[in-house]
Amino acid sequence: SSERIYYADSVKGRFTISRDNAKNTVYLQMNSL
């Protein structure tokens, strides 16, 4: 449901995981690479 999310310390604050269940797809937005 996207209500619980957890990140590795190495990417916390820079990466964002999300999903669109209607599209059967998961995303990873990666910033400040």
PDB file of all heavy atoms in Angstrom:
ATOM      1  N   SER A   1       0.798  -1.217   0.000  1.00  0.00           N
ATOM      2  CA  SER A   1       0.000   0.000   0.000  1.00  0.00           C
ATOM      3  C   SER A   1       0.838   1.278   0.000  1.00  0.00           C
ATOM      4  O   SER A   1       0.281   2.372   0.058  1.00  0.00           O
ATOM      5  CB  SER A   1      -0.927   0.011   1.209  1.00  0.00           C
ATOM      6  OG  SER A   1      -0.188   0.037   2.413  1.00  0.00           O
ATOM      7  N   SER A   2       2.152   1.144  -0.038  1.00  0.00           N
ATOM      8  CA  SER A   2       3.088   2.265   0.008  1.00  0.00           C
ATOM      9  C   SER A   2       3.092   2.963   1.362  1.00  0.00           C
ATOM     10  O   SER A   2       3.623   4.069   1.478  1.00  0.00           O
ATOM     11  CB  SER A   2       2.789   3.286  -1.091  1.00  0.00           C
ATOM     12  OG  SER A   2       2.872   2.695  -2.370  1.00  0.00           O
ATOM     13  N   GLU A   3       2.522   2.343   2.372  1.00  0.00           N
ATOM     14  CA  GLU A   3       2.472   2.928   3.706  1.00  0.00           C
ATOM     15  C   GLU A   3       3.686   2.570   4.561  1.00  0.00           C
ATOM     16  O   GLU A   3       3.896   3.171   5.611  1.00  0.00           O
ATOM     17  CB  GLU A   3       1.192   2.503   4.415  1.00  0.00           C
ATOM     18  CG  GLU A   3      -0.068   3.040   3.754  1.00  0.00           C
ATOM     19  CD  GLU A   3      -1.340   2.599   4.434  1.00  0.00           C
ATOM     20  OE1 GLU A   3      -1.268   1.750   5.351  1.00  0.00           O
ATOM     21  OE2 GLU A   3      -2.417   3.095   4.060  1.00  0.00           O
ATOM     22  N   ARG A   4       4.444   1.603   4.127  1.00  0.00           N
ATOM     23  CA  ARG A   4       5.662   1.228   4.835  1.00  0.00           C
ATOM     24  C   ARG A   4       6.811   1.200   3.840  1.00  0.00           C
ATOM     25  O   ARG A   4       6.760   0.479   2.843  1.00  0.00           O
ATOM     26  CB  ARG A   4       5.513  -0.126   5.525  1.00  0.00           C
ATOM     27  CG  ARG A   4       4.536  -0.096   6.697  1.00  0.00           C
ATOM     28  CD  ARG A   4       4.414  -1.456   7.338  1.00  0.00           C
ATOM     29  NE  ARG A   4       3.594  -1.406   8.544  1.00  0.00           N
ATOM     30  CZ  ARG A   4       2.272  -1.457   8.557  1.00  0.00           C
ATOM     31  NH1 ARG A   4       1.604  -1.564   7.416  1.00  0.00           N
ATOM     32  NH2 ARG A   4       1.612  -1.399   9.702  1.00  0.00           N
ATOM     33  N   ILE A   5       7.824   1.977   4.129  1.00  0.00           N
ATOM     34  CA  ILE A   5       8.971   2.132   3.241  1.00  0.00           C
ATOM     35  C   ILE A   5      10.235   2.144   4.082  1.00  0.00           C
ATOM     36  O   ILE A   5      10.263   2.726   5.161  1.00  0.00           O
ATOM     37  CB  ILE A   5       8.854   3.430   2.421  1.00  0.00           C
ATOM     38  CG1 ILE A   5       7.688   3.341   1.434  1.00  0.00           C
ATOM     39  CG2 ILE A   5      10.154   3.731   1.686  1.00  0.00           C
ATOM     40  CD1 ILE A   5       7.385   4.632   0.721  1.00  0.00           C
ATOM     41  N   TYR A   6      11.266   1.520   3.580  1.00  0.00           N
ATOM     42  CA  TYR A   6      12.521   1.457   4.305  1.00  0.00           C
ATOM     43  C   TYR A   6      13.679   1.570   3.328  1.00  0.00           C
ATOM     44  O   TYR A   6      13.660   0.967   2.262  1.00  0.00           O
ATOM     45  CB  TYR A   6      12.628   0.147   5.093  1.00  0.00           C
ATOM     46  CG  TYR A   6      13.804   0.094   6.030  1.00  0.00           C
ATOM     47  CD1 TYR A   6      13.749   0.716   7.273  1.00  0.00           C
ATOM     48  CD2 TYR A   6      14.968  -0.584   5.674  1.00  0.00           C
ATOM     49  CE1 TYR A   6      14.828   0.672   8.132  1.00  0.00           C
ATOM     50  CE2 TYR A   6      16.049  -0.632   6.532  1.00  0.00           C
ATOM     51  CZ  TYR A   6      15.973  -0.006   7.764  1.00  0.00           C
ATOM     52  OH  TYR A   6      17.041  -0.056   8.614  1.00  0.00           O
ATOM     53  N   TYR A   7      14.709   2.339   3.719  1.00  0.00           N
ATOM     54  CA  TYR A   7      15.864   2.556   2.874  1.00  0.00           C
ATOM     55  C   TYR A   7      17.153   2.141   3.574  1.00  0.00           C
ATOM     56  O   TYR A   7      17.278   2.250   4.795  1.00  0.00           O
ATOM     57  CB  TYR A   7      16.008   4.029   2.508  1.00  0.00           C
ATOM     58  CG  TYR A   7      14.851   4.599   1.733  1.00  0.00           C
ATOM     59  CD1 TYR A   7      13.846   5.309   2.382  1.00  0.00           C
ATOM     60  CD2 TYR A   7      14.770   4.441   0.361  1.00  0.00           C
ATOM     61  CE1 TYR A   7      12.788   5.846   1.673  1.00  0.00           C
ATOM     62  CE2 TYR A   7      13.711   4.975  -0.357  1.00  0.00           C
ATOM     63  CZ  TYR A   7      12.724   5.672   0.301  1.00  0.00           C
ATOM     64  OH  TYR A   7      11.677   6.207  -0.412  1.00  0.00           O
ATOM     65  N   ALA A   8      18.097   1.701   2.782  1.00  0.00           N
ATOM     66  CA  ALA A   8      19.438   1.515   3.300  1.00  0.00           C
ATOM     67  C   ALA A   8      20.020   2.870   3.677  1.00  0.00           C
ATOM     68  O   ALA A   8      19.711   3.892   3.057  1.00  0.00           O
ATOM     69  CB  ALA A   8      20.325   0.829   2.258  1.00  0.00           C
ATOM     70  N   ASP A   9      20.862   2.887   4.697  1.00  0.00           N
ATOM     71  CA  ASP A   9      21.446   4.144   5.147  1.00  0.00           C
ATOM     72  C   ASP A   9      22.204   4.859   4.032  1.00  0.00           C
ATOM     73  O   ASP A   9      22.240   6.092   3.981  1.00  0.00           O
ATOM     74  CB  ASP A   9      22.390   3.895   6.322  1.00  0.00           C
ATOM     75  CG  ASP A   9      21.649   3.544   7.595  1.00  0.00           C
ATOM     76  OD1 ASP A   9      20.440   3.821   7.693  1.00  0.00           O
ATOM     77  OD2 ASP A   9      22.293   2.996   8.510  1.00  0.00           O
ATOM     78  N   SER A  10      22.791   4.100   3.148  1.00  0.00           N
ATOM     79  CA  SER A  10      23.616   4.672   2.098  1.00  0.00           C
ATOM     80  C   SER A  10      22.828   5.503   1.089  1.00  0.00           C
ATOM     81  O   SER A  10      23.408   6.337   0.387  1.00  0.00           O
ATOM     82  CB  SER A  10      24.385   3.566   1.360  1.00  0.00           C
ATOM     83  OG  SER A  10      23.493   2.620   0.796  1.00  0.00           O
ATOM     84  N   VAL A  11      21.523   5.285   1.010  1.00  0.00           N
ATOM     85  CA  VAL A  11      20.709   6.002   0.029  1.00  0.00           C
ATOM     86  C   VAL A  11      19.635   6.858   0.673  1.00  0.00           C
ATOM     87  O   VAL A  11      18.935   7.603  -0.032  1.00  0.00           O
ATOM     88  CB  VAL A  11      20.053   5.037  -0.976  1.00  0.00           C
ATOM     89  CG1 VAL A  11      21.105   4.139  -1.620  1.00  0.00           C
ATOM     90  CG2 VAL A  11      18.974   4.198  -0.309  1.00  0.00           C
ATOM     91  N   LYS A  12      19.499   6.788   1.969  1.00  0.00           N
ATOM     92  CA  LYS A  12      18.461   7.521   2.678  1.00  0.00           C
ATOM     93  C   LYS A  12      18.599   9.021   2.428  1.00  0.00           C
ATOM     94  O   LYS A  12      19.683   9.585   2.533  1.00  0.00           O
ATOM     95  CB  LYS A  12      18.543   7.212   4.169  1.00  0.00           C
ATOM     96  CG  LYS A  12      17.302   7.558   4.965  1.00  0.00           C
ATOM     97  CD  LYS A  12      17.414   7.020   6.393  1.00  0.00           C
ATOM     98  CE  LYS A  12      17.548   5.512   6.412  1.00  0.00           C
ATOM     99  NZ  LYS A  12      17.632   4.973   7.796  1.00  0.00           N
ATOM    100  N   GLY A  13      17.488   9.644   2.085  1.00  0.00           N
ATOM    101  CA  GLY A  13      17.481  11.064   1.795  1.00  0.00           C
ATOM    102  C   GLY A  13      17.766  11.400   0.351  1.00  0.00           C
ATOM    103  O   GLY A  13      17.572  12.552  -0.063  1.00  0.00           O
ATOM    104  N   ARG A  14      18.229  10.433  -0.419  1.00  0.00           N
ATOM    105  CA  ARG A  14      18.542  10.655  -1.824  1.00  0.00           C
ATOM    106  C   ARG A  14      17.647   9.865  -2.768  1.00  0.00           C
ATOM    107  O   ARG A  14      17.326  10.344  -3.854  1.00  0.00           O
ATOM    108  CB  ARG A  14      20.003  10.296  -2.108  1.00  0.00           C
ATOM    109  CG  ARG A  14      21.004  11.110  -1.309  1.00  0.00           C
ATOM    110  CD  ARG A  14      22.432  10.827  -1.751  1.00  0.00           C
ATOM    111  NE  ARG A  14      22.806   9.431  -1.544  1.00  0.00           N
ATOM    112  CZ  ARG A  14      23.182   8.596  -2.507  1.00  0.00           C
ATOM    113  NH1 ARG A  14      23.228   9.033  -3.768  1.00  0.00           N
ATOM    114  NH2 ARG A  14      23.508   7.341  -2.231  1.00  0.00           N
ATOM    115  N   PHE A  15      17.276   8.667  -2.361  1.00  0.00           N
ATOM    116  CA  PHE A  15      16.457   7.793  -3.196  1.00  0.00           C
ATOM    117  C   PHE A  15      15.031   7.746  -2.665  1.00  0.00           C
ATOM    118  O   PHE A  15      14.798   7.850  -1.459  1.00  0.00           O
ATOM    119  CB  PHE A  15      17.009   6.367  -3.210  1.00  0.00           C
ATOM    120  CG  PHE A  15      18.311   6.197  -3.939  1.00  0.00           C
ATOM    121  CD1 PHE A  15      19.070   7.281  -4.353  1.00  0.00           C
ATOM    122  CD2 PHE A  15      18.782   4.920  -4.210  1.00  0.00           C
ATOM    123  CE1 PHE A  15      20.275   7.112  -5.019  1.00  0.00           C
ATOM    124  CE2 PHE A  15      19.981   4.739  -4.872  1.00  0.00           C
ATOM    125  CZ  PHE A  15      20.733   5.831  -5.281  1.00  0.00           C
ATOM    126  N   THR A  16      14.086   7.551  -3.573  1.00  0.00           N
ATOM    127  CA  THR A  16      12.692   7.402  -3.205  1.00  0.00           C
ATOM    128  C   THR A  16      12.094   6.220  -3.954  1.00  0.00           C
ATOM    129  O   THR A  16      12.122   6.185  -5.183  1.00  0.00           O
ATOM    130  CB  THR A  16      11.880   8.665  -3.531  1.00  0.00           C
ATOM    131  OG1 THR A  16      12.439   9.792  -2.850  1.00  0.00           O
ATOM    132  CG2 THR A  16      10.432   8.488  -3.083  1.00  0.00           C
ATOM    133  N   ILE A  17      11.568   5.272  -3.207  1.00  0.00           N
ATOM    134  CA  ILE A  17      10.886   4.141  -3.811  1.00  0.00           C
ATOM    135  C   ILE A  17       9.388   4.435  -3.839  1.00  0.00           C
ATOM    136  O   ILE A  17       8.841   5.028  -2.905  1.00  0.00           O
ATOM    137  CB  ILE A  17      11.181   2.827  -3.055  1.00  0.00           C
ATOM    138  CG1 ILE A  17      10.608   1.622  -3.804  1.00  0.00           C
ATOM    139  CG2 ILE A  17      10.658   2.880  -1.627  1.00  0.00           C
ATOM    140  CD1 ILE A  17      11.039   0.282  -3.221  1.00  0.00           C
ATOM    141  N   SER A  18       8.734   4.047  -4.904  1.00  0.00           N
ATOM    142  CA  SER A  18       7.299   4.241  -5.025  1.00  0.00           C
ATOM    143  C   SER A  18       6.729   3.143  -5.908  1.00  0.00           C
ATOM    144  O   SER A  18       7.473   2.375  -6.528  1.00  0.00           O
ATOM    145  CB  SER A  18       6.970   5.627  -5.595  1.00  0.00           C
ATOM    146  OG  SER A  18       7.502   5.778  -6.902  1.00  0.00           O
ATOM    147  N   ARG A  19       5.417   3.083  -5.953  1.00  0.00           N
ATOM    148  CA  ARG A  19       4.794   2.068  -6.791  1.00  0.00           C
ATOM    149  C   ARG A  19       3.460   2.565  -7.306  1.00  0.00           C
ATOM    150  O   ARG A  19       2.802   3.408  -6.688  1.00  0.00           O
ATOM    151  CB  ARG A  19       4.617   0.749  -6.025  1.00  0.00           C
ATOM    152  CG  ARG A  19       3.634   0.802  -4.873  1.00  0.00           C
ATOM    153  CD  ARG A  19       3.751  -0.447  -4.002  1.00  0.00           C
ATOM    154  NE  ARG A  19       3.470  -1.660  -4.757  1.00  0.00           N
ATOM    155  CZ  ARG A  19       3.783  -2.887  -4.343  1.00  0.00           C
ATOM    156  NH1 ARG A  19       4.414  -3.058  -3.180  1.00  0.00           N
ATOM    157  NH2 ARG A  19       3.487  -3.943  -5.095  1.00  0.00           N
ATOM    158  N   ASP A  20       3.074   2.037  -8.443  1.00  0.00           N
ATOM    159  CA  ASP A  20       1.777   2.295  -9.034  1.00  0.00           C
ATOM    160  C   ASP A  20       1.167   0.931  -9.297  1.00  0.00           C
ATOM    161  O   ASP A  20       1.469   0.287 -10.305  1.00  0.00           O
ATOM    162  CB  ASP A  20       1.908   3.105 -10.318  1.00  0.00           C
ATOM    163  CG  ASP A  20       0.572   3.530 -10.885  1.00  0.00           C
ATOM    164  OD1 ASP A  20      -0.453   2.896 -10.577  1.00  0.00           O
ATOM    165  OD2 ASP A  20       0.545   4.513 -11.656  1.00  0.00           O
ATOM    166  N   ASN A  21       0.332   0.495  -8.381  1.00  0.00           N
ATOM    167  CA  ASN A  21      -0.222  -0.849  -8.488  1.00  0.00           C
ATOM    168  C   ASN A  21      -1.117  -1.017  -9.714  1.00  0.00           C
ATOM    169  O   ASN A  21      -1.212  -2.110 -10.271  1.00  0.00           O
ATOM    170  CB  ASN A  21      -0.993  -1.204  -7.218  1.00  0.00           C
ATOM    171  CG  ASN A  21      -0.073  -1.486  -6.049  1.00  0.00           C
ATOM    172  OD1 ASN A  21       1.100  -1.799  -6.232  1.00  0.00           O
ATOM    173  ND2 ASN A  21      -0.603  -1.368  -4.836  1.00  0.00           N
ATOM    174  N   ALA A  22      -1.764   0.060 -10.124  1.00  0.00           N
ATOM    175  CA  ALA A  22      -2.606  -0.013 -11.314  1.00  0.00           C
ATOM    176  C   ALA A  22      -1.783  -0.304 -12.560  1.00  0.00           C
ATOM    177  O   ALA A  22      -2.279  -0.902 -13.516  1.00  0.00           O
ATOM    178  CB  ALA A  22      -3.391   1.282 -11.494  1.00  0.00           C
ATOM    179  N   LYS A  23      -0.523   0.125 -12.551  1.00  0.00           N
ATOM    180  CA  LYS A  23       0.377  -0.117 -13.671  1.00  0.00           C
ATOM    181  C   LYS A  23       1.286  -1.315 -13.435  1.00  0.00           C
ATOM    182  O   LYS A  23       2.118  -1.637 -14.289  1.00  0.00           O
ATOM    183  CB  LYS A  23       1.227   1.119 -13.950  1.00  0.00           C
ATOM    184  CG  LYS A  23       0.436   2.322 -14.417  1.00  0.00           C
ATOM    185  CD  LYS A  23       1.358   3.491 -14.719  1.00  0.00           C
ATOM    186  CE  LYS A  23       0.574   4.679 -15.248  1.00  0.00           C
ATOM    187  NZ  LYS A  23       1.450   5.838 -15.541  1.00  0.00           N
ATOM    188  N   ASN A  24       1.141  -1.946 -12.266  1.00  0.00           N
ATOM    189  CA  ASN A  24       1.955  -3.107 -11.933  1.00  0.00           C
ATOM    190  C   ASN A  24       3.450  -2.774 -12.032  1.00  0.00           C
ATOM    191  O   ASN A  24       4.254  -3.569 -12.533  1.00  0.00           O
ATOM    192  CB  ASN A  24       1.623  -4.281 -12.857  1.00  0.00           C
ATOM    193  CG  ASN A  24       1.536  -5.608 -12.123  1.00  0.00           C
ATOM    194  OD1 ASN A  24       1.227  -5.657 -10.930  1.00  0.00           O
ATOM    195  ND2 ASN A  24       1.810  -6.694 -12.831  1.00  0.00           N
ATOM    196  N   THR A  25       3.796  -1.606 -11.525  1.00  0.00           N
ATOM    197  CA  THR A  25       5.144  -1.084 -11.686  1.00  0.00           C
ATOM    198  C   THR A  25       5.651  -0.477 -10.383  1.00  0.00           C
ATOM    199  O   THR A  25       4.891   0.136  -9.632  1.00  0.00           O
ATOM    200  CB  THR A  25       5.182  -0.016 -12.790  1.00  0.00           C
ATOM    201  OG1 THR A  25       4.751  -0.606 -14.025  1.00  0.00           O
ATOM    202  CG2 THR A  25       6.586   0.529 -12.982  1.00  0.00           C
ATOM    203  N   VAL A  26       6.938  -0.653 -10.135  1.00  0.00           N
ATOM    204  CA  VAL A  26       7.630  -0.067  -8.997  1.00  0.00           C
ATOM    205  C   VAL A  26       8.731   0.840  -9.526  1.00  0.00           C
ATOM    206  O   VAL A  26       9.357   0.528 -10.542  1.00  0.00           O
ATOM    207  CB  VAL A  26       8.213  -1.156  -8.084  1.00  0.00           C
ATOM    208  CG1 VAL A  26       8.909  -0.538  -6.878  1.00  0.00           C
ATOM    209  CG2 VAL A  26       7.115  -2.098  -7.618  1.00  0.00           C
ATOM    210  N   TYR A  27       8.976   1.935  -8.824  1.00  0.00           N
ATOM    211  CA  TYR A  27       9.950   2.920  -9.269  1.00  0.00           C
ATOM    212  C   TYR A  27      11.011   3.163  -8.205  1.00  0.00           C
ATOM    213  O   TYR A  27      10.794   2.935  -7.018  1.00  0.00           O
ATOM    214  CB  TYR A  27       9.266   4.254  -9.580  1.00  0.00           C
ATOM    215  CG  TYR A  27       8.129   4.154 -10.560  1.00  0.00           C
ATOM    216  CD1 TYR A  27       6.815   4.039 -10.116  1.00  0.00           C
ATOM    217  CD2 TYR A  27       8.367   4.162 -11.931  1.00  0.00           C
ATOM    218  CE1 TYR A  27       5.764   3.942 -11.012  1.00  0.00           C
ATOM    219  CE2 TYR A  27       7.325   4.065 -12.830  1.00  0.00           C
ATOM    220  CZ  TYR A  27       6.026   3.957 -12.374  1.00  0.00           C
ATOM    221  OH  TYR A  27       4.988   3.861 -13.268  1.00  0.00           O
ATOM    222  N   LEU A  28      12.140   3.651  -8.659  1.00  0.00           N
ATOM    223  CA  LEU A  28      13.177   4.117  -7.760  1.00  0.00           C
ATOM    224  C   LEU A  28      13.716   5.426  -8.310  1.00  0.00           C
ATOM    225  O   LEU A  28      14.430   5.437  -9.315  1.00  0.00           O
ATOM    226  CB  LEU A  28      14.307   3.094  -7.614  1.00  0.00           C
ATOM    227  CG  LEU A  28      15.379   3.455  -6.589  1.00  0.00           C
ATOM    228  CD1 LEU A  28      14.801   3.400  -5.173  1.00  0.00           C
ATOM    229  CD2 LEU A  28      16.584   2.518  -6.707  1.00  0.00           C
ATOM    230  N   GLN A  29      13.341   6.516  -7.668  1.00  0.00           N
ATOM    231  CA  GLN A  29      13.862   7.826  -8.031  1.00  0.00           C
ATOM    232  C   GLN A  29      15.182   8.031  -7.309  1.00  0.00           C
ATOM    233  O   GLN A  29      15.235   7.980  -6.080  1.00  0.00           O
ATOM    234  CB  GLN A  29      12.872   8.923  -7.646  1.00  0.00           C
ATOM    235  CG  GLN A  29      13.352  10.334  -7.937  1.00  0.00           C
ATOM    236  CD  GLN A  29      13.480  10.610  -9.416  1.00  0.00           C
ATOM    237  OE1 GLN A  29      12.580  10.299 -10.183  1.00  0.00           O
ATOM    238  NE2 GLN A  29      14.600  11.196  -9.823  1.00  0.00           N
ATOM    239  N   MET A  30      16.234   8.272  -8.055  1.00  0.00           N
ATOM    240  CA  MET A  30      17.565   8.412  -7.493  1.00  0.00           C
ATOM    241  C   MET A  30      18.070   9.819  -7.762  1.00  0.00           C
ATOM    242  O   MET A  30      18.266  10.209  -8.920  1.00  0.00           O
ATOM    243  CB  MET A  30      18.521   7.371  -8.088  1.00  0.00           C
ATOM    244  CG  MET A  30      18.031   5.938  -7.948  1.00  0.00           C
ATOM    245  SD  MET A  30      19.254   4.724  -8.522  1.00  0.00           S
ATOM    246  CE  MET A  30      19.315   5.165 -10.265  1.00  0.00           C
ATOM    247  N   ASN A  31      18.271  10.579  -6.709  1.00  0.00           N
ATOM    248  CA  ASN A  31      18.781  11.938  -6.806  1.00  0.00           C
ATOM    249  C   ASN A  31      20.142  12.033  -6.134  1.00  0.00           C
ATOM    250  O   ASN A  31      20.528  11.166  -5.355  1.00  0.00           O
ATOM    251  CB  ASN A  31      17.812  12.918  -6.145  1.00  0.00           C
ATOM    252  CG  ASN A  31      16.455  12.941  -6.794  1.00  0.00           C
ATOM    253  OD1 ASN A  31      16.328  12.771  -8.009  1.00  0.00           O
ATOM    254  ND2 ASN A  31      15.420  13.182  -5.990  1.00  0.00           N
ATOM    255  N   SER A  32      20.844  13.107  -6.433  1.00  0.00           N
ATOM    256  CA  SER A  32      22.163  13.347  -5.839  1.00  0.00           C
ATOM    257  C   SER A  32      23.051  12.121  -5.952  1.00  0.00           C
ATOM    258  O   SER A  32      23.694  11.696  -4.989  1.00  0.00           O
ATOM    259  CB  SER A  32      22.007  13.766  -4.369  1.00  0.00           C
ATOM    260  OG  SER A  32      21.222  14.932  -4.252  1.00  0.00           O
ATOM    261  N   LEU A  33      23.101  11.568  -7.123  1.00  0.00           N
ATOM    262  CA  LEU A  33      23.842  10.330  -7.328  1.00  0.00           C
ATOM    263  C   LEU A  33      25.337  10.521  -7.111  1.00  0.00           C
ATOM    264  O   LEU A  33      25.904  11.569  -7.432  1.00  0.00           O
ATOM    265  CB  LEU A  33      23.583   9.794  -8.729  1.00  0.00           C
ATOM    266  CG  LEU A  33      22.225   9.106  -8.905  1.00  0.00           C
ATOM    267  CD1 LEU A  33      21.867   8.979 -10.373  1.00  0.00           C
ATOM    268  CD2 LEU A  33      22.247   7.729  -8.237  1.00  0.00           C
TER     269      LEU A  33
END
